[in-house]
């Protein structure tokens, strides 16, 4: 879940798995897979960062680890 704030100042949580798009018109609008839309106070960049963080926490989006060779490359 990610927490966002409605334009009236009330925070609420969304299950990020159901987010289809995040757009700025200039207000940030989140569209879910069922077509429901939410306009929120947070910037587009913050919402997408929160979604990425959520996916990482639930292991849907892993971090790529690059291993070095023995010679340090």
N, C-alpha and C. Protein backbone atom coordinates (compact mmCIF):
# COMPACT_ATOMS: atom_id res chain seq x y z
N UNK A 1 0.85 -1.18 0.00
CA UNK A 1 0.00 0.00 0.00
C UNK A 1 0.89 1.24 0.00
N UNK A 2 0.42 2.29 -0.68
CA UNK A 2 1.07 3.58 -0.61
C UNK A 2 0.07 4.57 -0.02
N UNK A 3 0.57 5.56 0.69
CA UNK A 3 -0.29 6.57 1.28
C UNK A 3 -0.16 7.86 0.48
N UNK A 4 -1.30 8.41 0.08
CA UNK A 4 -1.36 9.66 -0.67
C UNK A 4 -2.40 10.56 -0.01
N UNK A 5 -2.46 11.81 -0.46
CA UNK A 5 -3.35 12.79 0.17
C UNK A 5 -4.31 13.37 -0.87
N UNK A 6 -5.60 13.34 -0.55
CA UNK A 6 -6.60 13.96 -1.42
C UNK A 6 -6.38 15.47 -1.43
N UNK A 7 -6.95 16.16 -2.38
CA UNK A 7 -6.81 17.61 -2.45
C UNK A 7 -7.40 18.31 -1.24
N UNK A 8 -8.38 17.66 -0.55
CA UNK A 8 -8.97 18.25 0.65
C UNK A 8 -8.13 18.03 1.90
N UNK A 9 -6.96 17.37 1.76
CA UNK A 9 -6.05 17.17 2.87
C UNK A 9 -6.17 15.84 3.59
N UNK A 10 -7.11 15.01 3.20
CA UNK A 10 -7.30 13.72 3.88
C UNK A 10 -6.42 12.65 3.26
N UNK A 11 -5.56 12.02 4.08
CA UNK A 11 -4.71 10.95 3.56
C UNK A 11 -5.50 9.64 3.41
N UNK A 12 -5.09 8.83 2.46
CA UNK A 12 -5.67 7.50 2.29
C UNK A 12 -4.63 6.59 1.65
N UNK A 13 -4.87 5.31 1.70
CA UNK A 13 -3.92 4.33 1.16
C UNK A 13 -4.51 3.65 -0.06
N UNK A 14 -3.63 3.38 -1.02
CA UNK A 14 -4.00 2.66 -2.23
C UNK A 14 -3.11 1.43 -2.36
N UNK A 15 -3.68 0.36 -2.85
CA UNK A 15 -2.89 -0.82 -3.16
C UNK A 15 -2.21 -0.54 -4.50
N UNK A 16 -0.89 -0.37 -4.46
CA UNK A 16 -0.13 0.03 -5.65
C UNK A 16 -0.19 -1.00 -6.78
N UNK A 17 -0.54 -2.22 -6.45
CA UNK A 17 -0.63 -3.26 -7.49
C UNK A 17 -1.72 -2.91 -8.51
N UNK A 18 -2.75 -2.19 -8.07
CA UNK A 18 -3.87 -1.86 -8.95
C UNK A 18 -3.71 -0.53 -9.67
N UNK A 19 -2.56 0.13 -9.53
CA UNK A 19 -2.35 1.40 -10.22
C UNK A 19 -1.93 1.12 -11.66
N UNK A 20 -2.68 1.70 -12.59
CA UNK A 20 -2.38 1.53 -14.01
C UNK A 20 -1.55 2.68 -14.54
N UNK A 21 -1.96 3.93 -14.22
CA UNK A 21 -1.21 5.10 -14.69
C UNK A 21 -1.13 6.17 -13.60
N UNK A 22 -0.08 6.97 -13.69
CA UNK A 22 0.08 8.15 -12.86
C UNK A 22 0.39 9.28 -13.83
N UNK A 23 -0.46 10.34 -13.81
CA UNK A 23 -0.32 11.45 -14.75
C UNK A 23 -0.37 12.78 -14.01
N UNK A 24 0.18 13.80 -14.63
CA UNK A 24 0.10 15.15 -14.07
C UNK A 24 -0.58 16.05 -15.08
N UNK A 25 -1.68 16.71 -14.65
CA UNK A 25 -2.40 17.58 -15.59
C UNK A 25 -2.71 18.98 -15.09
N UNK A 26 -2.26 19.73 -14.27
CA UNK A 26 -1.01 19.63 -13.53
C UNK A 26 -1.15 18.86 -12.23
N UNK A 27 -2.39 18.62 -11.74
CA UNK A 27 -2.54 17.82 -10.51
C UNK A 27 -2.22 16.37 -10.83
N UNK A 28 -1.65 15.68 -9.86
CA UNK A 28 -1.30 14.27 -10.05
C UNK A 28 -2.57 13.43 -9.98
N UNK A 29 -2.82 12.68 -11.04
CA UNK A 29 -4.00 11.83 -11.14
C UNK A 29 -3.56 10.37 -11.25
N UNK A 30 -4.09 9.55 -10.35
CA UNK A 30 -3.78 8.12 -10.34
C UNK A 30 -5.00 7.38 -10.87
N UNK A 31 -4.78 6.54 -11.88
CA UNK A 31 -5.86 5.73 -12.45
C UNK A 31 -5.60 4.27 -12.09
N UNK A 32 -6.63 3.63 -11.54
CA UNK A 32 -6.52 2.22 -11.18
C UNK A 32 -6.94 1.34 -12.35
N UNK A 33 -6.66 0.07 -12.26
CA UNK A 33 -7.00 -0.87 -13.33
C UNK A 33 -8.50 -0.98 -13.55
N UNK A 34 -9.31 -0.63 -12.54
CA UNK A 34 -10.77 -0.68 -12.69
C UNK A 34 -11.33 0.62 -13.26
N UNK A 35 -10.47 1.59 -13.58
CA UNK A 35 -10.89 2.85 -14.18
C UNK A 35 -11.13 3.98 -13.19
N UNK A 36 -11.14 3.68 -11.92
CA UNK A 36 -11.34 4.71 -10.90
C UNK A 36 -10.13 5.63 -10.85
N UNK A 37 -10.40 6.95 -10.72
CA UNK A 37 -9.33 7.94 -10.71
C UNK A 37 -9.29 8.67 -9.38
N UNK A 38 -8.08 8.99 -8.94
CA UNK A 38 -7.86 9.76 -7.71
C UNK A 38 -6.93 10.91 -8.04
N UNK A 39 -7.30 12.12 -7.62
CA UNK A 39 -6.44 13.30 -7.77
C UNK A 39 -5.82 13.54 -6.40
N UNK A 40 -4.49 13.61 -6.37
CA UNK A 40 -3.77 13.69 -5.10
C UNK A 40 -2.82 14.89 -5.08
N UNK A 41 -2.41 15.27 -3.86
CA UNK A 41 -1.50 16.41 -3.66
C UNK A 41 -0.05 16.09 -4.00
N UNK A 42 0.35 14.85 -3.83
CA UNK A 42 1.75 14.48 -4.03
C UNK A 42 2.17 14.68 -5.48
N UNK A 43 3.45 15.00 -5.66
CA UNK A 43 4.01 15.15 -7.00
C UNK A 43 4.11 13.79 -7.69
N UNK A 44 4.05 13.82 -9.00
CA UNK A 44 4.16 12.61 -9.82
C UNK A 44 5.39 11.79 -9.43
N UNK A 45 6.52 12.46 -9.25
CA UNK A 45 7.78 11.78 -8.92
C UNK A 45 7.70 11.06 -7.58
N UNK A 46 7.05 11.67 -6.59
CA UNK A 46 6.92 11.05 -5.27
C UNK A 46 6.04 9.81 -5.35
N UNK A 47 4.94 9.91 -6.08
CA UNK A 47 4.04 8.76 -6.22
C UNK A 47 4.76 7.60 -6.90
N UNK A 48 5.47 7.87 -7.98
CA UNK A 48 6.17 6.78 -8.67
C UNK A 48 7.29 6.20 -7.80
N UNK A 49 7.97 7.03 -7.02
CA UNK A 49 9.00 6.54 -6.10
C UNK A 49 8.38 5.65 -5.02
N UNK A 50 7.21 6.06 -4.51
CA UNK A 50 6.51 5.26 -3.50
C UNK A 50 6.06 3.91 -4.08
N UNK A 51 5.61 3.92 -5.32
CA UNK A 51 5.20 2.67 -5.98
C UNK A 51 6.39 1.74 -6.14
N UNK A 52 7.52 2.29 -6.59
CA UNK A 52 8.73 1.48 -6.75
C UNK A 52 9.19 0.91 -5.41
N UNK A 53 9.13 1.73 -4.36
CA UNK A 53 9.50 1.27 -3.02
C UNK A 53 8.57 0.15 -2.55
N UNK A 54 7.27 0.30 -2.81
CA UNK A 54 6.30 -0.74 -2.45
C UNK A 54 6.61 -2.04 -3.17
N UNK A 55 6.85 -1.97 -4.48
CA UNK A 55 7.17 -3.18 -5.25
C UNK A 55 8.42 -3.86 -4.73
N UNK A 56 9.42 -3.07 -4.33
CA UNK A 56 10.65 -3.63 -3.79
C UNK A 56 10.38 -4.32 -2.46
N UNK A 57 9.58 -3.68 -1.59
CA UNK A 57 9.26 -4.26 -0.28
C UNK A 57 8.57 -5.60 -0.39
N UNK A 58 7.70 -5.76 -1.39
CA UNK A 58 6.97 -7.02 -1.53
C UNK A 58 7.66 -7.98 -2.50
N UNK A 59 8.88 -7.64 -2.89
CA UNK A 59 9.72 -8.47 -3.77
C UNK A 59 9.15 -8.66 -5.17
N UNK A 60 8.38 -7.69 -5.63
CA UNK A 60 7.92 -7.71 -7.02
C UNK A 60 8.95 -7.07 -7.93
N UNK A 61 9.75 -6.20 -7.35
CA UNK A 61 10.79 -5.50 -8.10
C UNK A 61 12.08 -5.67 -7.32
N UNK A 62 12.95 -6.52 -7.82
CA UNK A 62 14.20 -6.77 -7.11
C UNK A 62 15.26 -5.76 -7.48
N UNK A 63 16.24 -5.63 -6.63
CA UNK A 63 17.37 -4.76 -6.93
C UNK A 63 18.41 -5.60 -7.66
N UNK A 64 18.94 -5.04 -8.72
CA UNK A 64 19.95 -5.75 -9.50
C UNK A 64 21.29 -5.55 -8.82
N UNK A 65 21.96 -6.64 -8.52
CA UNK A 65 23.26 -6.59 -7.87
C UNK A 65 24.31 -7.04 -8.88
N UNK A 66 25.24 -6.16 -9.17
CA UNK A 66 26.31 -6.48 -10.10
C UNK A 66 27.49 -6.99 -9.28
N UNK A 67 27.93 -8.19 -9.60
CA UNK A 67 29.06 -8.79 -8.88
C UNK A 67 30.34 -8.48 -9.62
N UNK A 68 31.39 -8.17 -8.87
CA UNK A 68 32.69 -7.86 -9.46
C UNK A 68 33.46 -9.15 -9.71
N UNK A 69 34.30 -9.10 -10.73
CA UNK A 69 35.21 -10.21 -10.97
C UNK A 69 36.33 -10.18 -9.95
N UNK A 70 37.15 -11.20 -9.94
CA UNK A 70 38.28 -11.27 -8.99
C UNK A 70 39.26 -10.12 -9.17
N UNK A 71 39.36 -9.58 -10.39
CA UNK A 71 40.32 -8.50 -10.63
C UNK A 71 39.70 -7.11 -10.39
N UNK A 72 38.50 -7.05 -9.83
CA UNK A 72 37.86 -5.78 -9.47
C UNK A 72 37.05 -5.13 -10.57
N UNK A 73 36.85 -5.79 -11.67
CA UNK A 73 36.05 -5.22 -12.77
C UNK A 73 34.61 -5.65 -12.69
